[in-house]
C-alpha atoms as a PDB file:
ATOM      1  CA  UNK A   1      89.379 108.823  98.810  1.00  0.00           C
ATOM      2  CA  UNK A   2      92.566 110.605  98.397  1.00  0.00           C
ATOM      3  CA  UNK A   3      91.452 112.876 100.701  1.00  0.00           C
ATOM      4  CA  UNK A   4      89.969 111.277 103.003  1.00  0.00           C
ATOM      5  CA  UNK A   5      93.876 109.065 102.681  1.00  0.00           C
ATOM      6  CA  UNK A   6      95.539 112.726 103.668  1.00  0.00           C
ATOM      7  CA  UNK A   7      93.186 113.198 106.360  1.00  0.00           C
ATOM      8  CA  UNK A   8      94.019 110.108 107.831  1.00  0.00           C
ATOM      9  CA  UNK A   9      97.769 110.783 107.623  1.00  0.00           C
ATOM     10  CA  UNK A  10      97.336 114.254 109.191  1.00  0.00           C
ATOM     11  CA  UNK A  11      95.603 112.772 112.473  1.00  0.00           C
ATOM     12  CA  UNK A  12      98.218 110.186 112.247  1.00  0.00           C
ATOM     13  CA  UNK A  13     101.302 112.906 111.867  1.00  0.00           C
ATOM     14  CA  UNK A  14      99.332 114.694 114.630  1.00  0.00           C
ATOM     15  CA  UNK A  15      99.109 111.111 116.631  1.00  0.00           C
ATOM     16  CA  UNK A  16     103.017 111.001 116.516  1.00  0.00           C
ATOM     17  CA  UNK A  17     103.334 114.114 117.799  1.00  0.00           C
ATOM     18  CA  UNK A  18     101.580 113.892 120.892  1.00  0.00           C
ATOM     19  CA  UNK A  19     103.341 110.281 121.432  1.00  0.00           C
ATOM     20  CA  UNK A  20     106.947 111.674 121.179  1.00  0.00           C
ATOM     21  CA  UNK A  21     105.878 114.483 123.955  1.00  0.00           C
ATOM     22  CA  UNK A  22     104.988 111.783 126.098  1.00  0.00           C
ATOM     23  CA  UNK A  23     108.224 109.864 125.620  1.00  0.00           C
ATOM     24  CA  UNK A  24     110.246 112.733 125.701  1.00  0.00           C
ATOM     25  CA  UNK A  25     108.647 113.564 129.090  1.00  0.00           C
ATOM     26  CA  UNK A  26     108.340 109.827 130.797  1.00  0.00           C
ATOM     27  CA  UNK A  27     112.089 108.922 129.400  1.00  0.00           C
ATOM     28  CA  UNK A  28     114.048 112.752 129.206  1.00  0.00           C
ATOM     29  CA  UNK A  29     113.127 115.207 131.521  1.00  0.00           C
ATOM     30  CA  UNK A  30     114.674 118.639 130.372  1.00  0.00           C
ATOM     31  CA  UNK A  31     115.688 120.816 132.839  1.00  0.00           C
ATOM     32  CA  UNK A  32     113.523 123.823 133.376  1.00  0.00           C
ATOM     33  CA  UNK A  33     113.555 127.531 133.626  1.00  0.00           C
ATOM     34  CA  UNK A  34     112.884 129.210 137.511  1.00  0.00           C
ATOM     35  CA  UNK A  35     109.473 130.408 136.977  1.00  0.00           C
ATOM     36  CA  UNK A  36     106.916 128.973 139.415  1.00  0.00           C
ATOM     37  CA  UNK A  37     104.815 125.651 137.900  1.00  0.00           C
ATOM     38  CA  UNK A  38     101.981 126.685 135.542  1.00  0.00           C
ATOM     39  CA  UNK A  39     102.996 130.093 135.030  1.00  0.00           C
ATOM     40  CA  UNK A  40     103.782 129.256 131.349  1.00  0.00           C
ATOM     41  CA  UNK A  41     100.442 129.066 130.574  1.00  0.00           C
ATOM     42  CA  UNK A  42      99.348 125.841 128.190  1.00  0.00           C
ATOM     43  CA  UNK A  43      99.037 125.980 124.399  1.00  0.00           C
ATOM     44  CA  UNK A  44      97.070 127.773 122.866  1.00  0.00           C
ATOM     45  CA  UNK A  45      95.921 126.323 118.738  1.00  0.00           C
ATOM     46  CA  UNK A  46      97.706 129.262 117.487  1.00  0.00           C
ATOM     47  CA  UNK A  47     100.644 127.898 118.947  1.00  0.00           C
ATOM     48  CA  UNK A  48     100.882 131.431 121.538  1.00  0.00           C
ATOM     49  CA  UNK A  49     100.944 130.385 125.068  1.00  0.00           C
ATOM     50  CA  UNK A  50      98.762 130.739 127.348  1.00  0.00           C
ATOM     51  CA  UNK A  51      94.597 129.161 127.503  1.00  0.00           C
ATOM     52  CA  UNK A  52      93.443 127.040 125.014  1.00  0.00           C
ATOM     53  CA  UNK A  53      91.682 129.208 122.872  1.00  0.00           C
ATOM     54  CA  UNK A  54      93.098 132.681 123.651  1.00  0.00           C
ATOM     55  CA  UNK A  55      96.296 134.217 124.083  1.00  0.00           C
ATOM     56  CA  UNK A  56      97.764 135.372 127.452  1.00  0.00           C
ATOM     57  CA  UNK A  57     101.009 137.899 127.864  1.00  0.00           C
ATOM     58  CA  UNK A  58     102.692 135.039 129.596  1.00  0.00           C
ATOM     59  CA  UNK A  59     106.066 133.852 127.866  1.00  0.00           C
ATOM     60  CA  UNK A  60     106.190 130.065 126.812  1.00  0.00           C
ATOM     61  CA  UNK A  61     107.979 127.942 128.674  1.00  0.00           C
ATOM     62  CA  UNK A  62     109.722 128.825 132.583  1.00  0.00           C
ATOM     63  CA  UNK A  63     112.765 130.742 131.469  1.00  0.00           C
ATOM     64  CA  UNK A  64     113.634 134.128 133.569  1.00  0.00           C
ATOM     65  CA  UNK A  65     116.250 136.263 132.793  1.00  0.00           C
ATOM     66  CA  UNK A  66     119.306 134.912 130.305  1.00  0.00           C
ATOM     67  CA  UNK A  67     117.239 131.633 130.461  1.00  0.00           C
ATOM     68  CA  UNK A  68     115.418 130.298 127.140  1.00  0.00           C
ATOM     69  CA  UNK A  69     112.594 128.153 127.965  1.00  0.00           C
ATOM     70  CA  UNK A  70     109.717 126.484 125.265  1.00  0.00           C
ATOM     71  CA  UNK A  71     106.370 123.984 124.388  1.00  0.00           C
ATOM     72  CA  UNK A  72     105.928 121.809 122.138  1.00  0.00           C
ATOM     73  CA  UNK A  73     101.986 120.747 121.689  1.00  0.00           C
ATOM     74  CA  UNK A  74      99.509 118.311 120.144  1.00  0.00           C
ATOM     75  CA  UNK A  75      95.898 119.306 120.549  1.00  0.00           C
ATOM     76  CA  UNK A  76      92.589 117.789 119.521  1.00  0.00           C
ATOM     77  CA  UNK A  77      89.271 118.752 119.078  1.00  0.00           C
ATOM     78  CA  UNK A  78      85.654 116.929 118.458  1.00  0.00           C
ATOM     79  CA  UNK A  79      82.491 118.613 118.179  1.00  0.00           C
ATOM     80  CA  UNK A  80      79.326 117.292 116.457  1.00  0.00           C
ATOM     81  CA  UNK A  81      80.400 117.823 112.868  1.00  0.00           C
ATOM     82  CA  UNK A  82      83.652 118.852 113.266  1.00  0.00           C
ATOM     83  CA  UNK A  83      87.148 117.693 113.687  1.00  0.00           C
ATOM     84  CA  UNK A  84      90.147 119.666 114.517  1.00  0.00           C
ATOM     85  CA  UNK A  85      94.132 119.479 114.957  1.00  0.00           C
ATOM     86  CA  UNK A  86      96.622 121.554 116.103  1.00  0.00           C
ATOM     87  CA  UNK A  87     100.300 121.019 116.678  1.00  0.00           C
ATOM     88  CA  UNK A  88     103.146 122.894 116.993  1.00  0.00           C
ATOM     89  CA  UNK A  89     106.158 124.978 119.333  1.00  0.00           C
ATOM     90  CA  UNK A  90     107.162 128.046 121.088  1.00  0.00           C
ATOM     91  CA  UNK A  91     110.317 129.369 121.967  1.00  0.00           C
ATOM     92  CA  UNK A  92     110.482 131.583 124.860  1.00  0.00           C
ATOM     93  CA  UNK A  93     113.990 133.850 126.070  1.00  0.00           C
ATOM     94  CA  UNK A  94     114.541 135.801 129.122  1.00  0.00           C
ATOM     95  CA  UNK A  95     110.463 135.507 129.883  1.00  0.00           C
ATOM     96  CA  UNK A  96     110.525 138.865 127.163  1.00  0.00           C
ATOM     97  CA  UNK A  97     110.160 137.765 123.835  1.00  0.00           C
ATOM     98  CA  UNK A  98     108.471 134.583 122.621  1.00  0.00           C
ATOM     99  CA  UNK A  99     108.024 132.650 118.540  1.00  0.00           C
ATOM    100  CA  UNK A 100     105.744 130.225 117.719  1.00  0.00           C
ATOM    101  CA  UNK A 101     104.493 127.956 115.024  1.00  0.00           C
ATOM    102  CA  UNK A 102     101.824 126.005 114.768  1.00  0.00           C
ATOM    103  CA  UNK A 103      99.882 123.691 111.752  1.00  0.00           C
ATOM    104  CA  UNK A 104      96.395 123.012 111.998  1.00  0.00           C
ATOM    105  CA  UNK A 105      93.515 120.851 110.367  1.00  0.00           C
ATOM    106  CA  UNK A 106      89.749 120.829 110.452  1.00  0.00           C
ATOM    107  CA  UNK A 107      88.150 118.143 108.683  1.00  0.00           C
ATOM    108  CA  UNK A 108      84.931 119.298 107.493  1.00  0.00           C
ATOM    109  CA  UNK A 109      83.853 116.106 105.726  1.00  0.00           C
ATOM    110  CA  UNK A 110      79.898 116.690 107.013  1.00  0.00           C
ATOM    111  CA  UNK A 111      79.646 120.008 105.113  1.00  0.00           C
ATOM    112  CA  UNK A 112      81.231 118.791 102.093  1.00  0.00           C
ATOM    113  CA  UNK A 113      78.962 116.022 101.674  1.00  0.00           C
ATOM    114  CA  UNK A 114      75.899 117.892 101.978  1.00  0.00           C
ATOM    115  CA  UNK A 115      77.033 120.787 100.159  1.00  0.00           C
ATOM    116  CA  UNK A 116      79.073 118.584  97.853  1.00  0.00           C
ATOM    117  CA  UNK A 117      82.807 120.898  98.240  1.00  0.00           C
ATOM    118  CA  UNK A 118      85.640 120.373  96.255  1.00  0.00           C
ATOM    119  CA  UNK A 119      88.075 119.507  99.632  1.00  0.00           C
ATOM    120  CA  UNK A 120      86.788 117.712 102.992  1.00  0.00           C
ATOM    121  CA  UNK A 121      89.211 119.500 105.320  1.00  0.00           C
ATOM    122  CA  UNK A 122      90.887 123.130 105.582  1.00  0.00           C
ATOM    123  CA  UNK A 123      94.540 123.864 106.671  1.00  0.00           C
ATOM    124  CA  UNK A 124      96.360 126.802 108.292  1.00  0.00           C
ATOM    125  CA  UNK A 125      99.983 127.525 109.189  1.00  0.00           C
ATOM    126  CA  UNK A 126     100.258 129.849 111.910  1.00  0.00           C
ATOM    127  CA  UNK A 127     103.427 132.588 112.731  1.00  0.00           C
ATOM    128  CA  UNK A 128     103.969 133.929 116.005  1.00  0.00           C
ATOM    129  CA  UNK A 129     105.633 136.708 117.880  1.00  0.00           C
ATOM    130  CA  UNK A 130     104.890 137.836 121.125  1.00  0.00           C
ATOM    131  CA  UNK A 131     106.807 140.236 123.589  1.00  0.00           C
ATOM    132  CA  UNK A 132     106.269 141.240 126.263  1.00  0.00           C
ATOM    133  CA  UNK A 133     105.881 145.684 127.243  1.00  0.00           C
ATOM    134  CA  UNK A 134     106.067 145.114 131.039  1.00  0.00           C
ATOM    135  CA  UNK A 135     105.328 144.290 134.247  1.00  0.00           C
ATOM    136  CA  UNK A 136     104.731 140.775 135.705  1.00  0.00           C
ATOM    137  CA  UNK A 137     102.411 138.085 136.004  1.00  0.00           C
ATOM    138  CA  UNK A 138     103.188 137.585 140.002  1.00  0.00           C
ATOM    139  CA  UNK A 139     105.772 140.129 141.175  1.00  0.00           C
ATOM    140  CA  UNK A 140     105.305 143.082 139.728  1.00  0.00           C
ATOM    141  CA  UNK A 141     102.727 146.201 140.677  1.00  0.00           C
ATOM    142  CA  UNK A 142     101.307 146.081 137.582  1.00  0.00           C
ATOM    143  CA  UNK A 143      99.835 143.056 135.551  1.00  0.00           C
ATOM    144  CA  UNK A 144     101.988 141.516 132.850  1.00  0.00           C
ATOM    145  CA  UNK A 145     101.851 143.616 129.492  1.00  0.00           C
ATOM    146  CA  UNK A 146     102.463 141.205 126.123  1.00  0.00           C
ATOM    147  CA  UNK A 147     101.861 142.192 122.539  1.00  0.00           C
ATOM    148  CA  UNK A 148     102.051 139.864 119.959  1.00  0.00           C
ATOM    149  CA  UNK A 149     101.924 139.024 116.098  1.00  0.00           C
ATOM    150  CA  UNK A 150     100.144 136.174 114.136  1.00  0.00           C
ATOM    151  CA  UNK A 151     100.744 135.802 110.850  1.00  0.00           C
ATOM    152  CA  UNK A 152      97.994 133.313 109.485  1.00  0.00           C
ATOM    153  CA  UNK A 153      98.205 131.919 105.776  1.00  0.00           C
ATOM    154  CA  UNK A 154      95.966 129.288 104.354  1.00  0.00           C
ATOM    155  CA  UNK A 155      96.918 126.245 102.382  1.00  0.00           C
ATOM    156  CA  UNK A 156      93.910 125.302 100.502  1.00  0.00           C
ATOM    157  CA  UNK A 157      92.212 128.498  99.625  1.00  0.00           C
ATOM    158  CA  UNK A 158      89.312 126.934  97.304  1.00  0.00           C
ATOM    159  CA  UNK A 159      86.679 126.750 100.729  1.00  0.00           C
ATOM    160  CA  UNK A 160      87.000 130.006 102.010  1.00  0.00           C
ATOM    161  CA  UNK A 161      87.324 131.925  98.158  1.00  0.00           C
ATOM    162  CA  UNK A 162      84.172 130.753  97.172  1.00  0.00           C
ATOM    163  CA  UNK A 163      82.103 131.554 100.341  1.00  0.00           C
ATOM    164  CA  UNK A 164      82.958 135.065  99.850  1.00  0.00           C
ATOM    165  CA  UNK A 165      86.702 135.190 101.931  1.00  0.00           C
ATOM    166  CA  UNK A 166      89.189 137.999 100.558  1.00  0.00           C
ATOM    167  CA  UNK A 167      92.166 136.883 101.064  1.00  0.00           C
ATOM    168  CA  UNK A 168      94.570 133.771 101.614  1.00  0.00           C
ATOM    169  CA  UNK A 169      96.695 135.372 104.501  1.00  0.00           C
ATOM    170  CA  UNK A 170      96.940 138.573 106.931  1.00  0.00           C
ATOM    171  CA  UNK A 171      97.989 139.285 110.194  1.00  0.00           C
ATOM    172  CA  UNK A 172      96.096 139.386 113.533  1.00  0.00           C
ATOM    173  CA  UNK A 173      97.607 141.882 116.105  1.00  0.00           C
ATOM    174  CA  UNK A 174      96.963 141.238 119.907  1.00  0.00           C
ATOM    175  CA  UNK A 175      97.571 143.350 123.521  1.00  0.00           C
ATOM    176  CA  UNK A 176      97.160 141.008 126.579  1.00  0.00           C
ATOM    177  CA  UNK A 177      97.322 141.276 130.178  1.00  0.00           C
ATOM    178  CA  UNK A 178      97.484 138.940 132.737  1.00  0.00           C
ATOM    179  CA  UNK A 179      97.880 138.740 136.604  1.00  0.00           C
ATOM    180  CA  UNK A 180      98.134 135.881 138.712  1.00  0.00           C
ATOM    181  CA  UNK A 181      96.497 137.316 142.240  1.00  0.00           C
ATOM    182  CA  UNK A 182      98.163 134.883 145.328  1.00  0.00           C
ATOM    183  CA  UNK A 183      95.590 133.741 147.126  1.00  0.00           C
ATOM    184  CA  UNK A 184      92.771 135.609 145.195  1.00  0.00           C
ATOM    185  CA  UNK A 185      90.008 133.055 144.998  1.00  0.00           C
ATOM    186  CA  UNK A 186      88.891 132.381 149.392  1.00  0.00           C
ATOM    187  CA  UNK A 187      92.617 131.543 149.450  1.00  0.00           C
ATOM    188  CA  UNK A 188      93.296 129.926 145.752  1.00  0.00           C
ATOM    189  CA  UNK A 189      95.727 131.807 143.449  1.00  0.00           C
ATOM    190  CA  UNK A 190      93.225 133.432 140.652  1.00  0.00           C
ATOM    191  CA  UNK A 191      94.826 134.046 137.310  1.00  0.00           C
ATOM    192  CA  UNK A 192      93.308 137.092 135.341  1.00  0.00           C
ATOM    193  CA  UNK A 193      93.611 137.648 131.593  1.00  0.00           C
ATOM    194  CA  UNK A 194      92.364 140.447 129.134  1.00  0.00           C
ATOM    195  CA  UNK A 195      93.046 140.159 125.437  1.00  0.00           C
ATOM    196  CA  UNK A 196      92.368 142.485 123.252  1.00  0.00           C
ATOM    197  CA  UNK A 197      92.589 141.159 119.100  1.00  0.00           C
ATOM    198  CA  UNK A 198      92.662 143.422 115.821  1.00  0.00           C
ATOM    199  CA  UNK A 199      91.546 141.154 113.314  1.00  0.00           C
ATOM    200  CA  UNK A 200      89.384 140.168 110.212  1.00  0.00           C
ATOM    201  CA  UNK A 201      90.356 136.532 110.171  1.00  0.00           C
ATOM    202  CA  UNK A 202      86.808 133.736 109.867  1.00  0.00           C
ATOM    203  CA  UNK A 203      87.040 131.343 111.733  1.00  0.00           C
ATOM    204  CA  UNK A 204      90.557 131.716 112.462  1.00  0.00           C
ATOM    205  CA  UNK A 205      91.659 132.082 109.373  1.00  0.00           C
ATOM    206  CA  UNK A 206      90.886 128.815 108.415  1.00  0.00           C
ATOM    207  CA  UNK A 207      87.915 129.752 105.954  1.00  0.00           C
ATOM    208  CA  UNK A 208      90.548 133.033 104.924  1.00  0.00           C
ATOM    209  CA  UNK A 209      90.449 135.930 105.528  1.00  0.00           C
ATOM    210  CA  UNK A 210      87.839 139.049 105.610  1.00  0.00           C
ATOM    211  CA  UNK A 211      84.582 138.725 103.219  1.00  0.00           C
ATOM    212  CA  UNK A 212      81.148 139.560 100.855  1.00  0.00           C
ATOM    213  CA  UNK A 213      79.678 141.432 104.226  1.00  0.00           C
ATOM    214  CA  UNK A 214      82.985 142.791 106.210  1.00  0.00           C
ATOM    215  CA  UNK A 215      86.670 143.244 104.974  1.00  0.00           C
ATOM    216  CA  UNK A 216      88.204 144.865 107.315  1.00  0.00           C
ATOM    217  CA  UNK A 217      90.109 144.961 110.562  1.00  0.00           C
ATOM    218  CA  UNK A 218      88.108 145.210 113.877  1.00  0.00           C
ATOM    219  CA  UNK A 219      89.011 144.864 117.451  1.00  0.00           C
ATOM    220  CA  UNK A 220      87.473 141.713 118.924  1.00  0.00           C
ATOM    221  CA  UNK A 221      87.371 141.201 122.993  1.00  0.00           C
ATOM    222  CA  UNK A 222      88.654 137.832 124.691  1.00  0.00           C
ATOM    223  CA  UNK A 223      88.802 137.131 127.878  1.00  0.00           C
ATOM    224  CA  UNK A 224      90.600 133.874 131.005  1.00  0.00           C
ATOM    225  CA  UNK A 225      89.613 133.707 134.871  1.00  0.00           C
ATOM    226  CA  UNK A 226      91.045 130.497 136.187  1.00  0.00           C
ATOM    227  CA  UNK A 227      91.447 129.208 139.581  1.00  0.00           C
ATOM    228  CA  UNK A 228      94.228 126.993 141.206  1.00  0.00           C
ATOM    229  CA  UNK A 229      92.904 124.410 143.402  1.00  0.00           C
ATOM    230  CA  UNK A 230      96.650 123.840 144.603  1.00  0.00           C
ATOM    231  CA  UNK A 231      99.963 124.656 142.369  1.00  0.00           C
ATOM    232  CA  UNK A 232      99.311 121.526 140.270  1.00  0.00           C
ATOM    233  CA  UNK A 233      95.652 122.123 138.821  1.00  0.00           C
ATOM    234  CA  UNK A 234      94.382 124.650 137.138  1.00  0.00           C
ATOM    235  CA  UNK A 235      90.140 124.959 136.671  1.00  0.00           C
ATOM    236  CA  UNK A 236      88.875 128.214 134.352  1.00  0.00           C
ATOM    237  CA  UNK A 237      86.583 129.362 131.778  1.00  0.00           C
ATOM    238  CA  UNK A 238      87.395 131.027 128.317  1.00  0.00           C
ATOM    239  CA  UNK A 239      85.722 133.055 125.676  1.00  0.00           C
ATOM    240  CA  UNK A 240      86.594 134.780 122.445  1.00  0.00           C
ATOM    241  CA  UNK A 241      84.583 136.549 120.317  1.00  0.00           C
ATOM    242  CA  UNK A 242      84.930 136.303 116.649  1.00  0.00           C
ATOM    243  CA  UNK A 243      84.101 138.310 113.578  1.00  0.00           C
ATOM    244  CA  UNK A 244      81.120 138.797 111.529  1.00  0.00           C
ATOM    245  CA  UNK A 245      82.512 139.099 108.027  1.00  0.00           C
ATOM    246  CA  UNK A 246      80.921 136.339 105.478  1.00  0.00           C
ATOM    247  CA  UNK A 247      77.278 136.686 104.701  1.00  0.00           C
ATOM    248  CA  UNK A 248      76.501 132.682 103.789  1.00  0.00           C
ATOM    249  CA  UNK A 249      77.427 131.643 107.760  1.00  0.00           C
ATOM    250  CA  UNK A 250      76.931 133.852 110.726  1.00  0.00           C
ATOM    251  CA  UNK A 251      79.997 133.325 112.979  1.00  0.00           C
ATOM    252  CA  UNK A 252      79.297 132.394 116.595  1.00  0.00           C
ATOM    253  CA  UNK A 253      81.827 133.912 120.059  1.00  0.00           C
ATOM    254  CA  UNK A 254      83.726 130.719 121.724  1.00  0.00           C
ATOM    255  CA  UNK A 255      83.736 129.823 124.585  1.00  0.00           C
ATOM    256  CA  UNK A 256      85.115 126.695 126.979  1.00  0.00           C
ATOM    257  CA  UNK A 257      85.201 124.844 130.292  1.00  0.00           C
ATOM    258  CA  UNK A 258      89.212 123.427 131.089  1.00  0.00           C
ATOM    259  CA  UNK A 259      90.572 121.525 133.576  1.00  0.00           C
ATOM    260  CA  UNK A 260      94.669 122.019 133.642  1.00  0.00           C
ATOM    261  CA  UNK A 261      96.904 119.453 135.250  1.00  0.00           C
ATOM    262  CA  UNK A 262     100.630 120.233 135.661  1.00  0.00           C
ATOM    263  CA  UNK A 263     102.188 117.184 137.081  1.00  0.00           C
ATOM    264  CA  UNK A 264     105.853 118.640 136.907  1.00  0.00           C
ATOM    265  CA  UNK A 265     107.467 121.661 134.291  1.00  0.00           C
ATOM    266  CA  UNK A 266     108.062 119.741 131.978  1.00  0.00           C
ATOM    267  CA  UNK A 267     104.342 117.705 131.207  1.00  0.00           C
ATOM    268  CA  UNK A 268     100.996 119.784 130.875  1.00  0.00           C
ATOM    269  CA  UNK A 269      97.643 118.098 129.941  1.00  0.00           C
ATOM    270  CA  UNK A 270      94.225 120.280 129.606  1.00  0.00           C
ATOM    271  CA  UNK A 271      90.937 118.905 129.105  1.00  0.00           C
ATOM    272  CA  UNK A 272      87.888 120.904 127.968  1.00  0.00           C
ATOM    273  CA  UNK A 273      84.570 121.481 126.977  1.00  0.00           C
ATOM    274  CA  UNK A 274      84.166 123.874 124.050  1.00  0.00           C
ATOM    275  CA  UNK A 275      81.020 125.315 122.758  1.00  0.00           C
ATOM    276  CA  UNK A 276      82.234 126.954 119.685  1.00  0.00           C
ATOM    277  CA  UNK A 277      78.230 127.524 118.163  1.00  0.00           C
ATOM    278  CA  UNK A 278      77.562 127.863 114.506  1.00  0.00           C
ATOM    279  CA  UNK A 279      80.327 126.981 112.166  1.00  0.00           C
ATOM    280  CA  UNK A 280      80.112 127.445 108.193  1.00  0.00           C
ATOM    281  CA  UNK A 281      76.110 126.909 108.764  1.00  0.00           C
ATOM    282  CA  UNK A 282      76.607 123.987 111.545  1.00  0.00           C
ATOM    283  CA  UNK A 283      74.929 124.532 114.324  1.00  0.00           C
ATOM    284  CA  UNK A 284      75.283 123.777 117.628  1.00  0.00           C
ATOM    285  CA  UNK A 285      79.406 122.514 117.598  1.00  0.00           C
ATOM    286  CA  UNK A 286      80.208 121.331 121.088  1.00  0.00           C
ATOM    287  CA  UNK A 287      82.523 119.367 121.895  1.00  0.00           C
ATOM    288  CA  UNK A 288      85.820 117.677 124.272  1.00  0.00           C
ATOM    289  CA  UNK A 289      88.951 119.727 124.242  1.00  0.00           C
ATOM    290  CA  UNK A 290      92.362 117.815 125.023  1.00  0.00           C
ATOM    291  CA  UNK A 291      95.895 119.478 124.658  1.00  0.00           C
ATOM    292  CA  UNK A 292      99.594 117.659 125.938  1.00  0.00           C
ATOM    293  CA  UNK A 293     102.262 120.244 126.215  1.00  0.00           C
ATOM    294  CA  UNK A 294     106.011 119.321 126.681  1.00  0.00           C
ATOM    295  CA  UNK A 295     108.125 122.298 128.184  1.00  0.00           C
ATOM    296  CA  UNK A 296     110.927 123.189 129.474  1.00  0.00           C
END
């Protein structure tokens, strides 16, 4: 009963965070930077600027040169057997450096009842750093290329350790390249992104890091392709390759089809249909992804 109450409190905190974002966007619009609308992307589930499940090379917010920018976000995903919530913030400076933080909660009540597990949810904190190395999303001959590092820390390791995870905290490193091709899709703007991640995180770290089957970092591919019908809308697909470190259950690659709406530089809404495959022995985990972001 105490675990259920804690879960409800976590969801309420996320909802309160989202309501606060809406109120701030509606009542006190921030002065945004000089970059083009939507070029800061959305907030990924781990806090870095990009797509929903894939970090892009873009830097959070709309700041250029000596300007600051940033985002605050809340995300909810509901699949057949799981519910996932993430909220956090990021800060960018001079379109060069980004720092981010995210707190995640995965409700595993269905699995917990089936297997009589000691916890009904998994929790993780993610601290991120991203640096633009060279290029520009729009104006350079080269794509924008950024390097990122994410420190991930499990907050309740009992279940991950029981299923074979080797450690409760670890780091992911990634290299991302992004390009916005103006008029590149039959006259519409086209966004292309490719990311290579060096990781051994199980279910992005919510099930710990490394495992009884494999306990080493490996390079994993991620990609995003999106079209902008106009400056306010973005429609695209994402793919994220996953490792397979635990013998008790295979880990599926993730995919989604998303729509993003950017009414202005202060607010972004993203909806997606996510296909997360098999998670911790439960198959066919598909469902709705919703995210709200406030930017400046």
